[in-house]
Amino acid sequence: MPSETIKKEVMGLGNVLKQVEFIKEIDKLKYIQRKTKLLNSDRNENDAEHSWHLAVMAVVLAGHSNVPVDVLKVVKMVLIHDIVEIDAGDTFIYDTQKSHTNTDNERLAANRIFGMLPAEQASELIAIWEEFEAGETSEAKFARSMDRLEPLLQNSSNNGGTWREFGVKYEKVYEKKKVIKEGSEALWAYAEGVINESVEKGILEK
C-alpha cells in the first residue's frame, strides 16, 4: 500500500495539472474583444486587459467604498467575472437585442471553465462569480462599480467612443452607470460629473 506521503504527493501533482490546464485555458480571455477602446486610443480593449484594470482600480479606490470591503475578494471578483465570456462571448452593455444579465450560456461556461480546477477551488470561484452576478453583497456592489466606471473613463477620453459609435444617449448611459452609486457614493459623484461634462462637450447626446 502506498504511504500517506506518496498519496499526498500524487494528489498534489493532480491538482497542479488541473490548475495549470485552467491557467492555460484562461489565456483565451486575451482574445475576447470588448466594444470599448483603450483610453485615448482607437484599439479595442480585450477582456484580460479589462479585468486587470478593474483589479488595480479596486485596490486604489477601495477607500471610497460606501462600506468597508474585503479588497482581496473584490479583486478576485473582477479578475474572474468575465472568464465565462471565453465560451459565452462578450455582451455589449448597451445591446438592445441581448440582455446584459446572467444567461444559461454563461452558467454552462462557468461550470466548464472553473470546473477544470480541483473541486474545492472550483466551488469557491463559481461562488464568487455568482456573488458578483447577483450584485447584493458589499463586495459585489463595489466590484460592479469598478466594472461600470472603467468604460465611462474610456468613452469620455475617446470623443464619445461607443456612445457615439452605437448612438447611445445620455438617458441610457445614466441608467447603466448609476449602479456605481450602490458601491460608492463618492465615485458616483465623480462619474455623474463626467457624464454631464460629456453632454456639455457634445460627445454624449441628451
N, C-alpha and C. Protein backbone atom coordinates (compact mmCIF):
# COMPACT_ATOMS: atom_id res chain seq x y z
N MET A 1 0.84 -1.21 0.00
CA MET A 1 0.00 0.00 0.00
C MET A 1 0.88 1.25 0.00
N PRO A 2 0.54 2.25 -0.82
CA PRO A 2 1.34 3.47 -0.84
C PRO A 2 1.21 4.23 0.48
N SER A 3 2.28 4.86 0.88
CA SER A 3 2.26 5.62 2.13
C SER A 3 1.41 6.87 1.96
N GLU A 4 1.03 7.48 3.09
CA GLU A 4 0.23 8.71 3.06
C GLU A 4 1.00 9.84 2.36
N THR A 5 2.32 9.86 2.54
CA THR A 5 3.14 10.89 1.89
C THR A 5 3.05 10.78 0.38
N ILE A 6 3.15 9.54 -0.12
CA ILE A 6 3.07 9.33 -1.56
C ILE A 6 1.67 9.71 -2.08
N LYS A 7 0.64 9.33 -1.32
CA LYS A 7 -0.74 9.67 -1.71
C LYS A 7 -0.89 11.19 -1.84
N LYS A 8 -0.34 11.90 -0.86
CA LYS A 8 -0.45 13.37 -0.88
C LYS A 8 0.32 13.95 -2.06
N GLU A 9 1.47 13.37 -2.34
CA GLU A 9 2.26 13.86 -3.47
C GLU A 9 1.53 13.65 -4.79
N VAL A 10 0.93 12.47 -4.94
CA VAL A 10 0.17 12.15 -6.16
C VAL A 10 -1.03 13.08 -6.28
N MET A 11 -1.73 13.29 -5.17
CA MET A 11 -2.89 14.18 -5.18
C MET A 11 -2.47 15.61 -5.49
N GLY A 12 -1.35 16.02 -4.90
CA GLY A 12 -0.85 17.37 -5.14
C GLY A 12 -0.48 17.58 -6.59
N LEU A 13 0.14 16.58 -7.19
CA LEU A 13 0.50 16.67 -8.61
C LEU A 13 -0.75 16.74 -9.48
N GLY A 14 -1.75 15.96 -9.09
CA GLY A 14 -3.02 16.00 -9.84
C GLY A 14 -3.64 17.38 -9.80
N ASN A 15 -3.59 18.03 -8.66
CA ASN A 15 -4.13 19.38 -8.52
C ASN A 15 -3.34 20.38 -9.37
N VAL A 16 -2.02 20.25 -9.35
CA VAL A 16 -1.17 21.14 -10.14
C VAL A 16 -1.52 21.01 -11.62
N LEU A 17 -1.68 19.80 -12.09
CA LEU A 17 -2.01 19.59 -13.51
C LEU A 17 -3.34 20.24 -13.87
N LYS A 18 -4.34 20.10 -13.00
CA LYS A 18 -5.64 20.72 -13.24
C LYS A 18 -5.53 22.25 -13.24
N GLN A 19 -4.79 22.76 -12.27
CA GLN A 19 -4.65 24.22 -12.15
C GLN A 19 -3.90 24.82 -13.34
N VAL A 20 -2.87 24.12 -13.80
CA VAL A 20 -2.12 24.61 -14.96
C VAL A 20 -2.98 24.57 -16.22
N GLU A 21 -3.80 23.53 -16.35
CA GLU A 21 -4.70 23.48 -17.52
C GLU A 21 -5.69 24.64 -17.49
N PHE A 22 -6.18 24.97 -16.30
CA PHE A 22 -7.08 26.13 -16.15
C PHE A 22 -6.36 27.41 -16.53
N ILE A 23 -5.14 27.56 -16.04
CA ILE A 23 -4.35 28.77 -16.33
C ILE A 23 -4.12 28.91 -17.83
N LYS A 24 -3.85 27.80 -18.48
CA LYS A 24 -3.67 27.83 -19.94
C LYS A 24 -4.98 28.17 -20.65
N GLU A 25 -6.08 27.64 -20.13
CA GLU A 25 -7.39 27.88 -20.76
C GLU A 25 -7.78 29.35 -20.70
N ILE A 26 -7.53 30.00 -19.57
CA ILE A 26 -7.98 31.38 -19.44
C ILE A 26 -7.11 32.37 -20.23
N ASP A 27 -6.04 31.87 -20.83
CA ASP A 27 -5.28 32.73 -21.75
C ASP A 27 -6.17 33.19 -22.90
N LYS A 28 -7.21 32.41 -23.18
CA LYS A 28 -8.15 32.75 -24.27
C LYS A 28 -8.88 34.06 -24.00
N LEU A 29 -8.89 34.49 -22.73
CA LEU A 29 -9.57 35.74 -22.38
C LEU A 29 -8.93 36.93 -23.09
N LYS A 30 -7.64 36.79 -23.42
CA LYS A 30 -6.91 37.85 -24.10
C LYS A 30 -7.41 38.07 -25.53
N TYR A 31 -8.16 37.11 -26.06
CA TYR A 31 -8.65 37.21 -27.43
C TYR A 31 -10.11 37.67 -27.50
N ILE A 32 -10.75 37.84 -26.34
CA ILE A 32 -12.15 38.29 -26.33
C ILE A 32 -12.16 39.81 -26.40
N GLN A 33 -12.60 40.33 -27.53
CA GLN A 33 -12.61 41.77 -27.77
C GLN A 33 -13.85 42.42 -27.17
N ARG A 34 -13.66 43.54 -26.50
CA ARG A 34 -14.76 44.34 -25.99
C ARG A 34 -15.08 45.45 -26.99
N LYS A 35 -16.26 46.04 -26.85
CA LYS A 35 -16.62 47.14 -27.75
C LYS A 35 -15.84 48.41 -27.42
N THR A 36 -15.56 48.60 -26.13
CA THR A 36 -14.85 49.81 -25.71
C THR A 36 -13.38 49.75 -26.13
N LYS A 37 -12.82 50.93 -26.30
CA LYS A 37 -11.42 51.04 -26.70
C LYS A 37 -10.58 51.56 -25.53
N LEU A 38 -9.30 51.31 -25.58
CA LEU A 38 -8.39 51.79 -24.55
C LEU A 38 -8.49 53.30 -24.43
N LEU A 39 -8.16 53.83 -23.27
CA LEU A 39 -8.21 55.28 -23.08
C LEU A 39 -7.34 55.99 -24.13
N ASN A 40 -7.92 57.01 -24.73
CA ASN A 40 -7.21 57.82 -25.73
C ASN A 40 -6.61 56.97 -26.84
N SER A 41 -7.37 56.00 -27.31
CA SER A 41 -6.86 55.06 -28.31
C SER A 41 -7.98 54.61 -29.23
N ASP A 42 -7.58 54.08 -30.39
CA ASP A 42 -8.57 53.51 -31.29
C ASP A 42 -8.48 51.98 -31.31
N ARG A 43 -7.74 51.40 -30.33
CA ARG A 43 -7.64 49.95 -30.24
C ARG A 43 -8.63 49.40 -29.22
N ASN A 44 -9.38 48.37 -29.63
CA ASN A 44 -10.32 47.75 -28.71
C ASN A 44 -9.60 47.07 -27.54
N GLU A 45 -10.21 47.18 -26.41
CA GLU A 45 -9.71 46.51 -25.22
C GLU A 45 -10.12 45.04 -25.26
N ASN A 46 -9.30 44.17 -24.69
CA ASN A 46 -9.74 42.78 -24.55
C ASN A 46 -10.12 42.51 -23.10
N ASP A 47 -10.78 41.38 -22.87
CA ASP A 47 -11.30 41.08 -21.54
C ASP A 47 -10.21 40.96 -20.47
N ALA A 48 -9.05 40.45 -20.86
CA ALA A 48 -7.97 40.30 -19.88
C ALA A 48 -7.47 41.67 -19.43
N GLU A 49 -7.33 42.59 -20.37
CA GLU A 49 -6.91 43.96 -20.03
C GLU A 49 -7.94 44.63 -19.13
N HIS A 50 -9.19 44.43 -19.47
CA HIS A 50 -10.30 45.00 -18.69
C HIS A 50 -10.25 44.48 -17.25
N SER A 51 -10.11 43.17 -17.09
CA SER A 51 -10.10 42.57 -15.75
C SER A 51 -8.92 43.05 -14.93
N TRP A 52 -7.74 43.13 -15.56
CA TRP A 52 -6.56 43.64 -14.86
C TRP A 52 -6.79 45.07 -14.39
N HIS A 53 -7.35 45.90 -15.27
CA HIS A 53 -7.55 47.31 -14.94
C HIS A 53 -8.51 47.45 -13.76
N LEU A 54 -9.58 46.65 -13.77
CA LEU A 54 -10.55 46.71 -12.67
C LEU A 54 -9.90 46.28 -11.35
N ALA A 55 -9.02 45.29 -11.40
CA ALA A 55 -8.35 44.82 -10.18
C ALA A 55 -7.50 45.92 -9.55
N VAL A 56 -6.75 46.63 -10.39
CA VAL A 56 -5.93 47.74 -9.88
C VAL A 56 -6.82 48.86 -9.37
N MET A 57 -7.88 49.15 -10.10
CA MET A 57 -8.83 50.18 -9.66
C MET A 57 -9.40 49.83 -8.28
N ALA A 58 -9.75 48.56 -8.08
CA ALA A 58 -10.33 48.13 -6.81
C ALA A 58 -9.35 48.36 -5.65
N VAL A 59 -8.09 48.06 -5.89
CA VAL A 59 -7.07 48.27 -4.86
C VAL A 59 -6.91 49.75 -4.55
N VAL A 60 -6.83 50.57 -5.59
CA VAL A 60 -6.58 52.00 -5.43
C VAL A 60 -7.79 52.75 -4.87
N LEU A 61 -8.99 52.34 -5.27
CA LEU A 61 -10.20 53.11 -4.95
C LEU A 61 -11.02 52.52 -3.79
N ALA A 62 -10.54 51.45 -3.19
CA ALA A 62 -11.32 50.76 -2.15
C ALA A 62 -11.72 51.67 -1.00
N GLY A 63 -10.91 52.67 -0.72
CA GLY A 63 -11.23 53.61 0.36
C GLY A 63 -12.48 54.42 0.12
N HIS A 64 -12.99 54.41 -1.12
CA HIS A 64 -14.20 55.18 -1.46
C HIS A 64 -15.46 54.32 -1.43
N SER A 65 -15.32 53.05 -1.07
CA SER A 65 -16.49 52.19 -0.97
C SER A 65 -17.43 52.73 0.10
N ASN A 66 -18.73 52.56 -0.12
CA ASN A 66 -19.71 53.05 0.85
C ASN A 66 -19.51 52.41 2.23
N VAL A 67 -19.08 51.17 2.22
CA VAL A 67 -18.79 50.45 3.48
C VAL A 67 -17.46 49.72 3.30
N PRO A 68 -16.76 49.40 4.38
CA PRO A 68 -15.51 48.65 4.24
C PRO A 68 -15.76 47.32 3.54
N VAL A 69 -14.85 46.95 2.64
CA VAL A 69 -15.00 45.70 1.90
C VAL A 69 -13.73 44.86 2.01
N ASP A 70 -13.90 43.57 1.75
CA ASP A 70 -12.77 42.66 1.66
C ASP A 70 -12.15 42.87 0.28
N VAL A 71 -11.06 43.63 0.24
CA VAL A 71 -10.47 44.03 -1.05
C VAL A 71 -9.99 42.82 -1.85
N LEU A 72 -9.43 41.82 -1.17
CA LEU A 72 -8.97 40.63 -1.89
C LEU A 72 -10.14 39.95 -2.59
N LYS A 73 -11.28 39.90 -1.93
CA LYS A 73 -12.46 39.27 -2.54
C LYS A 73 -12.94 40.08 -3.74
N VAL A 74 -12.91 41.39 -3.62
CA VAL A 74 -13.30 42.26 -4.74
C VAL A 74 -12.35 42.03 -5.92
N VAL A 75 -11.06 41.95 -5.63
CA VAL A 75 -10.07 41.71 -6.69
C VAL A 75 -10.33 40.37 -7.36
N LYS A 76 -10.62 39.34 -6.57
CA LYS A 76 -10.96 38.03 -7.16
C LYS A 76 -12.17 38.16 -8.08
N MET A 77 -13.17 38.88 -7.61
CA MET A 77 -14.39 39.04 -8.42
C MET A 77 -14.10 39.66 -9.78
N VAL A 78 -13.37 40.77 -9.77
CA VAL A 78 -13.16 41.48 -11.04
C VAL A 78 -12.19 40.73 -11.95
N LEU A 79 -11.30 39.94 -11.36
CA LEU A 79 -10.37 39.17 -12.19
C LEU A 79 -11.06 37.99 -12.88
N ILE A 80 -12.08 37.43 -12.25
CA ILE A 80 -12.72 36.24 -12.84
C ILE A 80 -14.09 36.51 -13.46
N HIS A 81 -14.65 37.72 -13.26
CA HIS A 81 -16.05 37.93 -13.64
C HIS A 81 -16.34 37.72 -15.12
N ASP A 82 -15.36 37.95 -15.98
CA ASP A 82 -15.59 37.80 -17.42
C ASP A 82 -15.01 36.53 -18.01
N ILE A 83 -14.47 35.64 -17.18
CA ILE A 83 -13.89 34.41 -17.70
C ILE A 83 -14.92 33.59 -18.49
N VAL A 84 -16.19 33.69 -18.08
CA VAL A 84 -17.24 32.94 -18.79
C VAL A 84 -17.37 33.37 -20.25
N GLU A 85 -16.88 34.57 -20.56
CA GLU A 85 -17.00 35.08 -21.93
C GLU A 85 -16.09 34.34 -22.91
N ILE A 86 -15.18 33.51 -22.40
CA ILE A 86 -14.38 32.64 -23.27
C ILE A 86 -15.32 31.77 -24.09
N ASP A 87 -16.38 31.29 -23.44
CA ASP A 87 -17.37 30.46 -24.12
C ASP A 87 -18.58 31.26 -24.59
N ALA A 88 -19.06 32.16 -23.73
CA ALA A 88 -20.33 32.85 -23.99
C ALA A 88 -20.18 34.11 -24.84
N GLY A 89 -18.95 34.62 -24.95
CA GLY A 89 -18.73 35.86 -25.70
C GLY A 89 -19.10 37.08 -24.89
N ASP A 90 -18.63 38.24 -25.34
CA ASP A 90 -18.90 39.50 -24.64
C ASP A 90 -20.26 40.03 -25.07
N THR A 91 -21.04 40.49 -24.11
CA THR A 91 -22.32 41.15 -24.41
C THR A 91 -22.17 42.64 -24.15
N PHE A 92 -22.35 43.43 -25.18
CA PHE A 92 -22.24 44.88 -25.08
C PHE A 92 -23.31 45.40 -24.12
N ILE A 93 -22.89 46.21 -23.16
CA ILE A 93 -23.81 46.66 -22.12
C ILE A 93 -25.00 47.45 -22.67
N TYR A 94 -24.83 48.08 -23.83
CA TYR A 94 -25.92 48.85 -24.41
C TYR A 94 -26.64 48.08 -25.52
N ASP A 95 -26.40 46.77 -25.60
CA ASP A 95 -27.06 45.94 -26.61
C ASP A 95 -28.57 45.99 -26.40
N THR A 96 -29.30 46.25 -27.47
CA THR A 96 -30.76 46.35 -27.35
C THR A 96 -31.45 45.02 -27.65
N GLN A 97 -30.67 44.05 -28.15
CA GLN A 97 -31.25 42.77 -28.52
C GLN A 97 -31.01 41.69 -27.47
N LYS A 98 -29.87 41.79 -26.79
CA LYS A 98 -29.47 40.76 -25.84
C LYS A 98 -29.32 41.36 -24.45
N SER A 99 -29.89 40.71 -23.46
CA SER A 99 -29.84 41.21 -22.09
C SER A 99 -28.45 41.05 -21.51
N HIS A 100 -28.00 42.10 -20.80
CA HIS A 100 -26.67 42.05 -20.18
C HIS A 100 -26.81 41.49 -18.76
N THR A 101 -27.35 40.29 -18.67
CA THR A 101 -27.51 39.63 -17.38
C THR A 101 -27.02 38.20 -17.50
N ASN A 102 -26.96 37.53 -16.36
CA ASN A 102 -26.51 36.15 -16.37
C ASN A 102 -27.40 35.30 -17.27
N THR A 103 -26.81 34.48 -18.08
CA THR A 103 -27.55 33.65 -19.02
C THR A 103 -27.20 32.19 -18.83
N ASP A 104 -28.00 31.33 -19.45
CA ASP A 104 -27.72 29.90 -19.38
C ASP A 104 -26.34 29.59 -19.97
N ASN A 105 -25.99 30.29 -21.05
CA ASN A 105 -24.69 30.07 -21.67
C ASN A 105 -23.56 30.40 -20.71
N GLU A 106 -23.72 31.49 -19.96
CA GLU A 106 -22.69 31.87 -19.00
C GLU A 106 -22.59 30.86 -17.86
N ARG A 107 -23.73 30.34 -17.43
CA ARG A 107 -23.73 29.33 -16.38
C ARG A 107 -22.99 28.07 -16.84
N LEU A 108 -23.27 27.64 -18.07
CA LEU A 108 -22.57 26.48 -18.62
C LEU A 108 -21.07 26.75 -18.72
N ALA A 109 -20.74 27.97 -19.12
CA ALA A 109 -19.33 28.35 -19.25
C ALA A 109 -18.64 28.34 -17.89
N ALA A 110 -19.31 28.86 -16.87
CA ALA A 110 -18.74 28.88 -15.52
C ALA A 110 -18.48 27.46 -15.04
N ASN A 111 -19.44 26.59 -15.25
CA ASN A 111 -19.28 25.20 -14.80
C ASN A 111 -18.14 24.51 -15.54
N ARG A 112 -18.02 24.78 -16.84
CA ARG A 112 -16.97 24.11 -17.61
C ARG A 112 -15.59 24.63 -17.25
N ILE A 113 -15.44 25.96 -17.27
CA ILE A 113 -14.10 26.53 -17.10
C ILE A 113 -13.61 26.43 -15.67
N PHE A 114 -14.41 26.88 -14.72
CA PHE A 114 -13.99 26.76 -13.32
C PHE A 114 -13.93 25.29 -12.90
N GLY A 115 -14.75 24.46 -13.56
CA GLY A 115 -14.77 23.03 -13.26
C GLY A 115 -13.48 22.32 -13.64
N MET A 116 -12.60 22.99 -14.36
CA MET A 116 -11.30 22.41 -14.68
C MET A 116 -10.40 22.35 -13.45
N LEU A 117 -10.71 23.17 -12.45
CA LEU A 117 -9.90 23.25 -11.23
C LEU A 117 -10.25 22.12 -10.27
N PRO A 118 -9.40 21.88 -9.27
CA PRO A 118 -9.76 20.95 -8.20
C PRO A 118 -11.10 21.37 -7.59
N ALA A 119 -11.89 20.41 -7.17
CA ALA A 119 -13.29 20.64 -6.77
C ALA A 119 -13.49 21.80 -5.78
N GLU A 120 -12.68 21.83 -4.74
CA GLU A 120 -12.86 22.88 -3.72
C GLU A 120 -12.59 24.27 -4.30
N GLN A 121 -11.56 24.39 -5.11
CA GLN A 121 -11.22 25.66 -5.73
C GLN A 121 -12.28 26.06 -6.76
N ALA A 122 -12.77 25.09 -7.49
CA ALA A 122 -13.82 25.35 -8.49
C ALA A 122 -15.07 25.90 -7.79
N SER A 123 -15.45 25.27 -6.70
CA SER A 123 -16.64 25.71 -5.96
C SER A 123 -16.49 27.13 -5.44
N GLU A 124 -15.28 27.44 -4.97
CA GLU A 124 -15.02 28.80 -4.44
C GLU A 124 -15.17 29.85 -5.54
N LEU A 125 -14.57 29.60 -6.71
CA LEU A 125 -14.60 30.61 -7.77
C LEU A 125 -15.98 30.72 -8.40
N ILE A 126 -16.70 29.61 -8.50
CA ILE A 126 -18.08 29.68 -9.01
C ILE A 126 -18.93 30.51 -8.05
N ALA A 127 -18.74 30.31 -6.75
CA ALA A 127 -19.50 31.06 -5.75
C ALA A 127 -19.18 32.55 -5.83
N ILE A 128 -17.90 32.89 -6.03
CA ILE A 128 -17.51 34.29 -6.15
C ILE A 128 -18.10 34.90 -7.42
N TRP A 129 -18.08 34.14 -8.51
CA TRP A 129 -18.68 34.61 -9.77
C TRP A 129 -20.18 34.85 -9.59
N GLU A 130 -20.86 33.93 -8.93
CA GLU A 130 -22.30 34.06 -8.68
C GLU A 130 -22.60 35.28 -7.81
N GLU A 131 -21.74 35.50 -6.81
CA GLU A 131 -21.92 36.65 -5.91
C GLU A 131 -21.80 37.96 -6.68
N PHE A 132 -20.83 38.03 -7.58
CA PHE A 132 -20.67 39.23 -8.41
C PHE A 132 -21.91 39.43 -9.27
N GLU A 133 -22.37 38.37 -9.91
CA GLU A 133 -23.53 38.47 -10.79
C GLU A 133 -24.78 38.92 -10.04
N ALA A 134 -24.96 38.42 -8.82
CA ALA A 134 -26.14 38.79 -8.03
C ALA A 134 -26.08 40.25 -7.59
N GLY A 135 -24.88 40.75 -7.33
CA GLY A 135 -24.70 42.16 -7.00
C GLY A 135 -25.35 42.60 -5.70
N GLU A 136 -25.42 41.71 -4.73
CA GLU A 136 -26.13 42.05 -3.49
C GLU A 136 -25.22 42.34 -2.30
N THR A 137 -24.03 41.75 -2.26
CA THR A 137 -23.13 41.97 -1.13
C THR A 137 -22.34 43.27 -1.34
N SER A 138 -21.74 43.74 -0.27
CA SER A 138 -20.94 44.98 -0.35
C SER A 138 -19.80 44.82 -1.36
N GLU A 139 -19.15 43.65 -1.34
CA GLU A 139 -18.04 43.41 -2.26
C GLU A 139 -18.52 43.40 -3.70
N ALA A 140 -19.65 42.76 -3.95
CA ALA A 140 -20.18 42.70 -5.31
C ALA A 140 -20.59 44.08 -5.80
N LYS A 141 -21.19 44.87 -4.93
CA LYS A 141 -21.60 46.22 -5.33
C LYS A 141 -20.40 47.08 -5.69
N PHE A 142 -19.33 46.95 -4.90
CA PHE A 142 -18.14 47.76 -5.21
C PHE A 142 -17.46 47.25 -6.47
N ALA A 143 -17.40 45.93 -6.63
CA ALA A 143 -16.81 45.36 -7.84
C ALA A 143 -17.57 45.81 -9.09
N ARG A 144 -18.87 45.85 -9.00
CA ARG A 144 -19.69 46.27 -10.14
C ARG A 144 -19.52 47.77 -10.41
N SER A 145 -19.23 48.53 -9.35
CA SER A 145 -18.93 49.95 -9.54
C SER A 145 -17.68 50.11 -10.41
N MET A 146 -16.67 49.29 -10.15
CA MET A 146 -15.45 49.33 -10.95
C MET A 146 -15.76 48.97 -12.41
N ASP A 147 -16.61 47.96 -12.58
CA ASP A 147 -16.95 47.47 -13.91
C ASP A 147 -17.69 48.51 -14.73
N ARG A 148 -18.44 49.38 -14.07
CA ARG A 148 -19.18 50.42 -14.78
C ARG A 148 -18.36 51.70 -14.94
N LEU A 149 -17.42 51.92 -14.03
CA LEU A 149 -16.63 53.15 -14.09
C LEU A 149 -15.59 53.12 -15.21
N GLU A 150 -14.92 51.99 -15.39
CA GLU A 150 -13.83 51.94 -16.37
C GLU A 150 -14.27 52.32 -17.79
N PRO A 151 -15.38 51.75 -18.33
CA PRO A 151 -15.80 52.13 -19.68
C PRO A 151 -16.20 53.61 -19.79
N LEU A 152 -16.68 54.16 -18.68
CA LEU A 152 -17.02 55.59 -18.68
C LEU A 152 -15.76 56.42 -18.90
N LEU A 153 -14.69 56.06 -18.23
CA LEU A 153 -13.41 56.76 -18.41
C LEU A 153 -12.92 56.61 -19.85
N GLN A 154 -13.10 55.42 -20.40
CA GLN A 154 -12.65 55.17 -21.77
C GLN A 154 -13.45 56.00 -22.78
N ASN A 155 -14.76 55.93 -22.70
CA ASN A 155 -15.59 56.63 -23.68
C ASN A 155 -15.43 58.15 -23.60
N SER A 156 -15.28 58.65 -22.38
CA SER A 156 -15.12 60.10 -22.23
C SER A 156 -13.77 60.57 -22.75
N SER A 157 -12.79 59.64 -22.82
CA SER A 157 -11.46 60.00 -23.33
C SER A 157 -11.37 59.85 -24.85
N ASN A 158 -12.37 59.18 -25.43
CA ASN A 158 -12.33 58.85 -26.85
C ASN A 158 -13.40 59.57 -27.67
N ASN A 159 -13.68 60.79 -27.27
CA ASN A 159 -14.64 61.60 -28.03
C ASN A 159 -16.01 60.92 -28.15
N GLY A 160 -16.39 60.24 -27.09
CA GLY A 160 -17.70 59.58 -27.09
C GLY A 160 -17.61 58.08 -27.30
N GLY A 161 -16.53 57.62 -27.91
CA GLY A 161 -16.30 56.18 -28.05
C GLY A 161 -17.51 55.40 -28.53
N THR A 162 -17.88 54.40 -27.75
CA THR A 162 -19.00 53.53 -28.14
C THR A 162 -20.35 54.25 -28.05
N TRP A 163 -20.43 55.31 -27.25
CA TRP A 163 -21.69 56.06 -27.22
C TRP A 163 -21.99 56.61 -28.61
N ARG A 164 -20.99 57.23 -29.17
CA ARG A 164 -21.16 57.84 -30.49
C ARG A 164 -21.27 56.77 -31.57
N GLU A 165 -20.44 55.74 -31.48
CA GLU A 165 -20.42 54.68 -32.49
C GLU A 165 -21.75 53.96 -32.60
N PHE A 166 -22.40 53.74 -31.46
CA PHE A 166 -23.65 52.97 -31.46
C PHE A 166 -24.89 53.81 -31.14
N GLY A 167 -24.74 55.13 -31.15
CA GLY A 167 -25.88 56.01 -30.95
C GLY A 167 -26.51 55.91 -29.57
N VAL A 168 -25.68 55.69 -28.56
CA VAL A 168 -26.18 55.59 -27.18
C VAL A 168 -26.32 57.00 -26.61
N LYS A 169 -27.46 57.27 -25.99
CA LYS A 169 -27.73 58.62 -25.49
C LYS A 169 -27.65 58.70 -23.96
N TYR A 170 -27.69 59.93 -23.50
CA TYR A 170 -27.50 60.25 -22.08
C TYR A 170 -28.34 59.40 -21.15
N GLU A 171 -29.61 59.28 -21.42
CA GLU A 171 -30.52 58.58 -20.51
C GLU A 171 -30.08 57.13 -20.28
N LYS A 172 -29.67 56.47 -21.37
CA LYS A 172 -29.23 55.08 -21.28
C LYS A 172 -27.92 54.97 -20.51
N VAL A 173 -26.99 55.88 -20.80
CA VAL A 173 -25.71 55.88 -20.09
C VAL A 173 -25.94 56.11 -18.60
N TYR A 174 -26.76 57.10 -18.28
CA TYR A 174 -27.04 57.43 -16.88
C TYR A 174 -27.65 56.23 -16.15
N GLU A 175 -28.59 55.58 -16.83
CA GLU A 175 -29.26 54.42 -16.23
C GLU A 175 -28.29 53.30 -15.90
N LYS A 176 -27.37 53.02 -16.84
CA LYS A 176 -26.41 51.94 -16.64
C LYS A 176 -25.34 52.31 -15.61
N LYS A 177 -24.94 53.56 -15.61
CA LYS A 177 -23.83 53.97 -14.74
C LYS A 177 -24.24 54.24 -13.30
N LYS A 178 -25.52 54.47 -13.04
CA LYS A 178 -25.93 54.80 -11.67
C LYS A 178 -25.73 53.63 -10.71
N VAL A 179 -25.45 52.43 -11.26
CA VAL A 179 -25.10 51.28 -10.42
C VAL A 179 -23.85 51.60 -9.58
N ILE A 180 -23.01 52.48 -10.09
CA ILE A 180 -21.80 52.88 -9.37
C ILE A 180 -22.15 53.38 -7.97
N LYS A 181 -23.27 54.06 -7.86
CA LYS A 181 -23.70 54.65 -6.59
C LYS A 181 -23.90 53.60 -5.50
N GLU A 182 -24.32 52.39 -5.89
CA GLU A 182 -24.56 51.34 -4.90
C GLU A 182 -23.27 50.90 -4.22
N GLY A 183 -22.15 51.05 -4.93
CA GLY A 183 -20.87 50.67 -4.34
C GLY A 183 -20.11 51.83 -3.75
N SER A 184 -20.32 53.02 -4.34
CA SER A 184 -19.57 54.19 -3.88
C SER A 184 -20.27 55.48 -4.25
N GLU A 185 -20.78 56.17 -3.25
CA GLU A 185 -21.41 57.48 -3.47
C GLU A 185 -20.38 58.47 -4.01
N ALA A 186 -19.16 58.39 -3.50
CA ALA A 186 -18.10 59.33 -3.91
C ALA A 186 -17.75 59.14 -5.38
N LEU A 187 -17.59 57.89 -5.80
CA LEU A 187 -17.24 57.64 -7.20
C LEU A 187 -18.40 57.94 -8.12
N TRP A 188 -19.64 57.77 -7.62
CA TRP A 188 -20.80 58.14 -8.43
C TRP A 188 -20.83 59.65 -8.65
N ALA A 189 -20.50 60.43 -7.62
CA ALA A 189 -20.47 61.89 -7.76
C ALA A 189 -19.48 62.28 -8.85
N TYR A 190 -18.34 61.60 -8.86
CA TYR A 190 -17.34 61.86 -9.90
C TYR A 190 -17.87 61.43 -11.27
N ALA A 191 -18.44 60.21 -11.34
CA ALA A 191 -18.93 59.67 -12.60
C ALA A 191 -20.05 60.52 -13.18
N GLU A 192 -20.94 60.97 -12.31
CA GLU A 192 -22.06 61.81 -12.76
C GLU A 192 -21.52 63.10 -13.38
N GLY A 193 -20.45 63.63 -12.77
CA GLY A 193 -19.83 64.83 -13.32
C GLY A 193 -19.24 64.57 -14.69
N VAL A 194 -18.62 63.40 -14.88
CA VAL A 194 -18.05 63.05 -16.18
C VAL A 194 -19.15 62.92 -17.23
N ILE A 195 -20.27 62.31 -16.85
CA ILE A 195 -21.39 62.15 -17.78
C ILE A 195 -21.93 63.52 -18.21
N ASN A 196 -22.15 64.38 -17.24
CA ASN A 196 -22.68 65.71 -17.55
C ASN A 196 -21.70 66.53 -18.38
N GLU A 197 -20.42 66.41 -18.06
CA GLU A 197 -19.39 67.12 -18.82
C GLU A 197 -19.34 66.60 -20.27
N SER A 198 -19.59 65.31 -20.44
CA SER A 198 -19.58 64.72 -21.78
C SER A 198 -20.74 65.28 -22.61
N VAL A 199 -21.86 65.54 -21.96
CA VAL A 199 -23.01 66.17 -22.65
C VAL A 199 -22.63 67.58 -23.06
N GLU A 200 -22.02 68.31 -22.14
CA GLU A 200 -21.62 69.70 -22.43
C GLU A 200 -20.61 69.78 -23.58
N LYS A 201 -19.74 68.77 -23.66
CA LYS A 201 -18.74 68.73 -24.73
C LYS A 201 -19.31 68.29 -26.07
N GLY A 202 -20.53 67.76 -26.02
CA GLY A 202 -21.16 67.30 -27.25
C GLY A 202 -20.76 65.90 -27.68
N ILE A 203 -20.13 65.14 -26.76
CA ILE A 203 -19.72 63.78 -27.12
C ILE A 203 -20.73 62.75 -26.61
N LEU A 204 -21.77 63.20 -25.90
CA LEU A 204 -22.86 62.35 -25.47
C LEU A 204 -24.15 63.11 -25.71
N GLU A 205 -25.01 62.54 -26.54
CA GLU A 205 -26.28 63.20 -26.87
C GLU A 205 -27.28 63.05 -25.75
N LYS A 206 -28.02 64.13 -25.52
CA LYS A 206 -29.06 64.09 -24.49
C LYS A 206 -30.41 63.81 -25.11
